[in-house]
N, C-alpha and C. Protein backbone atom coordinates (compact mmCIF):
# COMPACT_ATOMS: atom_id res chain seq x y z
N UNK A 1 58.64 125.81 -8.66
CA UNK A 1 57.53 125.64 -8.25
C UNK A 1 57.25 124.57 -7.08
N UNK A 2 56.57 124.90 -6.15
CA UNK A 2 56.34 124.13 -4.75
C UNK A 2 55.08 123.27 -5.03
N UNK A 3 54.77 122.20 -4.82
CA UNK A 3 53.33 121.23 -4.65
C UNK A 3 53.39 121.38 -3.30
N UNK A 4 53.64 121.83 -2.19
CA UNK A 4 53.56 121.67 -0.93
C UNK A 4 52.26 121.92 -0.49
N UNK A 5 51.54 120.83 0.20
CA UNK A 5 50.42 121.29 0.74
C UNK A 5 50.38 121.25 2.27
N UNK A 6 49.98 122.56 2.64
CA UNK A 6 50.01 122.99 4.17
C UNK A 6 48.93 122.17 5.01
N UNK A 7 49.16 121.78 5.90
CA UNK A 7 48.16 121.14 6.91
C UNK A 7 47.01 121.98 7.22
N UNK A 8 45.60 121.67 7.08
CA UNK A 8 44.58 122.65 7.38
C UNK A 8 44.53 122.48 9.13
N UNK A 9 44.43 123.87 9.54
CA UNK A 9 43.73 123.97 10.79
C UNK A 9 42.50 124.37 10.71
N UNK A 10 41.73 124.83 12.00
CA UNK A 10 40.48 124.99 11.82
C UNK A 10 40.56 126.02 13.11
N UNK A 11 40.05 127.11 13.07
CA UNK A 11 39.98 128.17 13.97
C UNK A 11 39.44 127.82 15.47
N UNK A 12 39.91 127.85 16.61
CA UNK A 12 39.39 127.30 17.44
C UNK A 12 37.95 127.77 18.16
N UNK A 13 37.23 127.00 18.47
CA UNK A 13 36.01 127.49 19.18
C UNK A 13 36.08 128.73 20.26
N UNK A 14 36.99 128.08 20.85
CA UNK A 14 37.29 128.66 22.32
C UNK A 14 37.89 129.93 22.11
N UNK A 15 38.81 130.41 20.99
CA UNK A 15 39.43 131.83 20.57
C UNK A 15 40.66 131.45 21.11
N UNK A 16 41.20 130.06 21.65
CA UNK A 16 42.46 130.18 22.27
C UNK A 16 43.78 129.51 21.14
N UNK A 17 43.31 129.72 19.83
CA UNK A 17 44.42 129.48 18.93
C UNK A 17 43.59 128.57 17.97
N UNK A 18 44.85 127.95 17.29
CA UNK A 18 44.36 126.71 16.42
C UNK A 18 43.92 125.49 17.09
N UNK A 19 42.71 124.79 16.44
CA UNK A 19 42.40 124.04 16.94
C UNK A 19 42.91 122.57 15.75
N UNK A 20 42.95 121.44 16.46
CA UNK A 20 43.75 120.52 15.49
C UNK A 20 42.88 120.26 14.42
N UNK A 21 43.52 119.85 13.15
CA UNK A 21 43.07 119.16 12.06
C UNK A 21 41.93 118.07 12.30
N UNK A 22 42.30 117.32 13.30
CA UNK A 22 41.63 116.33 13.57
C UNK A 22 41.35 116.03 15.33
N UNK A 23 40.17 115.51 15.52
CA UNK A 23 39.98 115.49 16.90
C UNK A 23 40.89 114.59 17.89
N UNK A 24 41.07 114.79 18.94
CA UNK A 24 41.84 114.00 19.76
C UNK A 24 41.48 112.43 19.53
N UNK A 25 42.30 111.77 19.38
CA UNK A 25 42.44 110.32 19.35
C UNK A 25 41.46 109.69 20.22
N UNK A 26 41.28 110.32 21.46
CA UNK A 26 40.64 109.17 22.51
C UNK A 26 39.18 109.92 22.32
N UNK A 27 38.79 110.96 21.33
CA UNK A 27 37.48 111.63 21.00
C UNK A 27 36.35 110.62 20.35
N UNK A 28 36.88 110.18 19.25
CA UNK A 28 36.22 109.12 18.18
C UNK A 28 37.25 108.58 17.30
N UNK A 29 36.82 107.54 16.59
CA UNK A 29 37.69 106.91 15.55
C UNK A 29 37.88 108.10 14.54
N UNK A 30 38.62 108.39 13.58
CA UNK A 30 39.26 109.28 12.75
C UNK A 30 38.64 108.74 11.49
N UNK A 31 38.44 109.61 10.98
CA UNK A 31 37.93 109.82 9.20
C UNK A 31 39.09 109.19 8.42
N UNK A 32 39.06 108.47 7.30
CA UNK A 32 40.19 108.67 6.44
C UNK A 32 40.84 109.79 6.11
N UNK A 33 40.20 110.77 5.83
CA UNK A 33 40.78 112.00 5.52
C UNK A 33 41.73 112.67 6.70
N UNK A 34 40.97 112.55 7.78
CA UNK A 34 41.72 112.81 9.09
C UNK A 34 42.81 112.23 9.42
N UNK A 35 42.65 111.07 9.29
CA UNK A 35 44.27 109.87 9.46
C UNK A 35 45.06 110.43 8.52
N UNK A 36 44.76 110.49 7.38
CA UNK A 36 45.92 111.03 6.27
C UNK A 36 46.32 112.28 6.47
N UNK A 37 45.74 113.36 6.93
CA UNK A 37 46.49 114.68 7.67
C UNK A 37 47.16 114.41 8.51
N UNK A 38 46.40 113.81 9.59
CA UNK A 38 47.68 113.47 10.86
C UNK A 38 49.14 112.87 10.26
N UNK A 39 48.57 111.96 9.60
CA UNK A 39 49.87 110.92 9.25
C UNK A 39 51.11 111.60 8.50
N UNK A 40 50.62 112.53 7.52
CA UNK A 40 51.56 113.64 7.16
C UNK A 40 52.41 114.35 8.05
N UNK A 41 51.66 114.79 9.26
CA UNK A 41 52.75 115.74 10.16
C UNK A 41 53.24 114.50 10.68
N UNK A 42 53.04 113.48 10.96
CA UNK A 42 53.84 112.63 11.85
C UNK A 42 54.97 111.70 10.80
N UNK A 43 54.33 111.69 9.82
CA UNK A 43 55.77 111.27 9.02
C UNK A 43 56.85 112.15 8.75
N UNK A 44 56.62 113.41 8.68
CA UNK A 44 57.46 114.59 8.33
C UNK A 44 58.43 114.20 9.80
N UNK A 45 57.81 113.80 10.79
CA UNK A 45 58.85 113.75 12.07
C UNK A 45 59.45 112.54 12.40
N UNK A 46 59.11 111.44 11.53
CA UNK A 46 59.58 110.24 11.45
C UNK A 46 60.77 109.73 11.28
N UNK A 47 61.66 110.57 10.63
CA UNK A 47 63.06 110.74 10.46
C UNK A 47 63.82 111.31 11.52
N UNK A 48 64.77 110.38 12.27
CA UNK A 48 65.66 111.08 13.24
C UNK A 48 66.32 112.33 12.91
N UNK A 49 66.89 112.57 11.82
CA UNK A 49 67.67 113.71 11.51
C UNK A 49 66.53 114.69 11.50
N UNK A 50 65.43 114.74 10.62
CA UNK A 50 64.36 115.45 10.69
C UNK A 50 63.85 115.94 12.03
N UNK A 51 63.69 114.91 13.10
CA UNK A 51 63.24 115.14 14.44
C UNK A 51 64.29 116.21 14.80
N UNK A 52 65.62 115.89 14.84
CA UNK A 52 66.65 116.38 15.36
C UNK A 52 66.79 117.79 15.26
N UNK A 53 66.54 118.23 13.61
CA UNK A 53 66.40 119.65 13.23
C UNK A 53 65.25 120.30 13.80
N UNK A 54 64.00 119.44 13.60
CA UNK A 54 62.90 120.23 14.18
C UNK A 54 63.28 120.61 15.69
N UNK A 55 63.77 119.80 16.40
CA UNK A 55 63.69 120.07 17.78
C UNK A 55 65.26 121.30 18.03
N UNK A 56 65.99 121.43 17.24
CA UNK A 56 67.14 122.45 17.29
C UNK A 56 66.41 123.30 16.93
N UNK A 57 65.48 123.79 16.26
CA UNK A 57 64.70 124.97 15.93
C UNK A 57 63.98 125.32 16.88
N UNK A 58 63.06 124.29 17.51
CA UNK A 58 62.06 124.69 18.42
C UNK A 58 62.59 125.11 19.79
N UNK A 59 63.91 124.73 19.89
CA UNK A 59 64.59 124.65 21.24
C UNK A 59 65.63 126.10 21.14
N UNK A 60 65.73 126.41 19.97
CA UNK A 60 66.79 127.65 19.75
C UNK A 60 66.25 128.83 20.45
N UNK A 61 67.01 129.43 20.95
CA UNK A 61 66.92 130.75 21.67
C UNK A 61 66.13 131.97 20.59
N UNK A 62 64.95 132.45 21.26
CA UNK A 62 64.19 133.14 20.00
C UNK A 62 63.43 132.83 19.15
N UNK A 63 63.32 131.36 19.40
CA UNK A 63 62.22 130.68 18.53
C UNK A 63 62.60 130.30 17.02
N UNK A 64 63.96 130.61 16.66
CA UNK A 64 64.00 130.65 15.36
C UNK A 64 65.52 130.37 15.38
N UNK A 65 66.01 129.71 13.98
CA UNK A 65 67.59 129.33 14.08
C UNK A 65 67.93 129.27 12.39
N UNK A 66 69.15 129.86 12.45
CA UNK A 66 69.79 130.09 11.12
C UNK A 66 70.04 128.77 10.62
N UNK A 67 69.85 128.26 9.65
CA UNK A 67 70.31 127.14 9.12
C UNK A 67 71.89 126.79 9.24
N UNK A 68 72.71 127.48 9.43
CA UNK A 68 74.22 127.58 9.86
C UNK A 68 74.42 127.23 11.20
N UNK A 69 73.57 127.33 12.21
CA UNK A 69 73.35 127.13 13.71
C UNK A 69 73.06 125.69 13.92
N UNK A 70 72.32 125.14 13.08
CA UNK A 70 71.45 123.79 13.38
C UNK A 70 72.06 122.48 12.19
N UNK A 71 72.76 122.78 11.48
CA UNK A 71 73.21 121.88 10.46
C UNK A 71 74.18 120.77 11.03
N UNK A 72 74.47 120.92 12.22
CA UNK A 72 75.72 119.53 12.57
C UNK A 72 74.69 118.50 13.43
N UNK A 73 74.15 117.81 12.11
CA UNK A 73 73.28 116.59 12.89
C UNK A 73 74.10 115.34 12.26
N UNK A 74 75.00 115.61 11.80
CA UNK A 74 75.79 114.41 11.18
C UNK A 74 75.54 113.61 9.73
N UNK A 75 74.77 114.63 8.95
CA UNK A 75 74.95 114.53 7.66
C UNK A 75 75.11 115.59 6.83
N UNK A 76 75.17 115.69 5.50
CA UNK A 76 76.02 116.53 4.31
C UNK A 76 74.93 117.70 4.70
N UNK A 77 75.64 118.79 4.35
CA UNK A 77 74.40 120.17 4.24
C UNK A 77 73.40 120.07 3.19
N UNK A 78 73.70 119.42 1.88
CA UNK A 78 72.66 119.11 1.06
C UNK A 78 71.47 118.25 1.63
N UNK A 79 71.94 117.11 2.58
CA UNK A 79 70.64 116.39 3.04
C UNK A 79 70.02 117.15 4.27
N UNK A 80 70.89 117.95 4.89
CA UNK A 80 70.15 118.86 5.87
C UNK A 80 69.03 119.78 5.20
N UNK A 81 69.51 120.74 3.95
CA UNK A 81 68.51 121.10 3.45
C UNK A 81 67.33 120.34 2.68
N UNK A 82 67.64 119.08 2.21
CA UNK A 82 66.40 118.34 1.79
C UNK A 82 65.48 118.08 3.16
N UNK A 83 65.88 117.76 4.56
CA UNK A 83 65.10 117.58 5.34
C UNK A 83 64.20 118.57 6.15
N UNK A 84 65.02 119.89 5.91
CA UNK A 84 64.48 121.16 6.26
C UNK A 84 63.04 121.37 5.36
N UNK A 85 63.45 121.08 4.01
CA UNK A 85 62.56 121.33 2.93
C UNK A 85 61.38 120.37 3.29
N UNK A 86 61.71 119.10 3.70
CA UNK A 86 60.53 118.17 3.97
C UNK A 86 59.90 118.60 5.10
N UNK A 87 60.30 119.14 6.23
CA UNK A 87 59.36 119.91 7.46
C UNK A 87 58.54 121.00 6.89
N UNK A 88 59.15 121.75 6.06
CA UNK A 88 58.68 123.11 5.53
C UNK A 88 57.38 122.60 5.04
N UNK A 89 57.47 121.50 4.08
CA UNK A 89 56.24 121.06 2.91
C UNK A 89 55.13 120.63 4.33
N UNK A 90 55.59 120.08 5.00
CA UNK A 90 54.45 119.50 5.94
C UNK A 90 53.79 120.29 6.84
N UNK A 91 54.51 121.75 6.68
CA UNK A 91 53.85 122.94 7.34
C UNK A 91 54.15 122.72 8.83
N UNK A 92 55.32 122.17 9.25
CA UNK A 92 55.88 122.25 10.56
C UNK A 92 56.85 123.39 10.67
N UNK A 93 57.67 123.98 9.51
CA UNK A 93 58.21 124.94 9.98
C UNK A 93 57.96 126.11 8.91
N UNK A 94 58.68 127.32 9.11
CA UNK A 94 58.21 128.51 8.15
C UNK A 94 59.77 128.70 8.11
N UNK A 95 60.06 129.78 6.85
CA UNK A 95 61.28 130.06 6.91
C UNK A 95 61.66 131.22 6.19
N UNK A 96 62.84 132.20 6.65
CA UNK A 96 62.95 133.45 5.73
C UNK A 96 64.02 133.55 5.45
N UNK A 97 64.72 134.06 4.32
CA UNK A 97 65.88 134.21 4.05
C UNK A 97 66.30 135.91 4.32
N UNK A 98 67.50 135.92 4.75
CA UNK A 98 67.93 136.91 5.04
C UNK A 98 69.29 137.17 4.76
N UNK A 99 69.62 137.86 3.79
CA UNK A 99 70.80 137.71 3.07
C UNK A 99 71.38 136.25 2.54
N UNK A 100 72.21 136.01 2.65
CA UNK A 100 72.77 134.58 2.17
C UNK A 100 72.60 133.52 3.07
N UNK A 101 71.74 133.76 4.51
CA UNK A 101 71.15 132.69 5.17
C UNK A 101 69.93 132.57 5.23
N UNK A 102 68.95 131.44 5.53
CA UNK A 102 67.65 131.18 5.80
C UNK A 102 67.56 130.97 7.21
N UNK A 103 66.48 131.70 7.83
CA UNK A 103 65.95 131.39 9.10
C UNK A 103 64.64 130.36 9.43
N UNK A 104 64.61 129.56 10.19
CA UNK A 104 63.74 128.72 10.38
C UNK A 104 62.81 128.90 11.67
N UNK A 105 61.49 128.90 11.61
CA UNK A 105 60.64 128.98 12.99
C UNK A 105 59.54 127.72 12.92
N UNK A 106 59.42 127.14 14.06
CA UNK A 106 58.53 126.20 14.30
C UNK A 106 57.08 127.01 13.99
N UNK A 107 56.40 126.48 13.43
CA UNK A 107 54.74 126.77 12.68
C UNK A 107 53.97 126.41 14.14
N UNK A 108 53.88 127.32 15.41
CA UNK A 108 53.47 127.21 16.41
C UNK A 108 51.97 126.46 16.45
N UNK A 109 51.40 127.11 15.31
CA UNK A 109 49.97 126.44 15.44
C UNK A 109 49.91 125.18 15.11
N UNK A 110 50.56 124.40 14.03
CA UNK A 110 50.71 123.09 13.78
C UNK A 110 51.11 122.34 14.97
N UNK A 111 52.12 122.83 15.60
CA UNK A 111 52.65 122.10 16.98
C UNK A 111 51.77 122.03 17.69
N UNK A 112 50.77 123.10 18.11
CA UNK A 112 49.97 123.03 19.03
C UNK A 112 48.57 121.68 18.71
N UNK A 113 48.46 121.60 17.31
CA UNK A 113 47.02 121.07 16.64
C UNK A 113 47.72 119.39 17.01
N UNK A 114 49.05 119.04 16.73
CA UNK A 114 49.67 117.84 16.96
C UNK A 114 49.35 117.74 18.65
N UNK A 115 49.85 118.59 19.44
CA UNK A 115 49.78 118.03 20.72
C UNK A 115 48.16 117.92 21.03
N UNK A 116 47.33 118.63 20.64
CA UNK A 116 45.79 118.20 20.89
C UNK A 116 45.52 117.13 20.46
N UNK A 117 45.66 116.52 19.29
CA UNK A 117 45.66 115.53 18.77
C UNK A 117 46.12 114.31 19.47
N UNK A 118 46.89 114.42 20.55
CA UNK A 118 47.50 113.49 21.19
C UNK A 118 47.30 113.60 22.78
N UNK A 119 46.33 114.60 23.24
CA UNK A 119 45.88 114.85 24.38
C UNK A 119 44.81 113.98 24.96
N UNK A 120 44.94 113.46 26.29
CA UNK A 120 44.35 112.87 26.59
C UNK A 120 42.98 113.30 27.38
N UNK A 121 41.60 112.99 27.61
CA UNK A 121 40.78 113.74 28.23
C UNK A 121 41.13 113.58 29.90
N UNK A 122 40.61 115.02 30.31
CA UNK A 122 40.68 115.30 31.53
C UNK A 122 39.89 114.11 32.74
N UNK A 123 40.83 113.62 33.58
CA UNK A 123 40.36 112.96 34.61
C UNK A 123 38.96 113.31 35.16
N UNK A 124 37.74 112.69 35.43
CA UNK A 124 36.71 113.01 36.07
C UNK A 124 36.53 112.39 37.39
């Protein structure tokens, strides 16, 4: 049984998809809850192996990758599985088992939310 907590996203007011869980950093100071939510996202990517795995999935043809295609990151297979599990628990990846292999996809709404968090306001 997993105790993973998906990161909350809000419906975008403009109908353009997911809005970030938190306002852009330049909009106003974050609340403690917003900061904890954002920190979970970035903490999951704070490990070089996890960042490489996330990048491998995100850049893989078709937007998904079999674990067999992305496990060459310089660590053992159990360690790869551990890091993929952490990325999945953070809500950054989704997975689907197909036979003996697991295929991973980037959770695009969360990726969009992270990008919006770091967006600078438009220059006027």
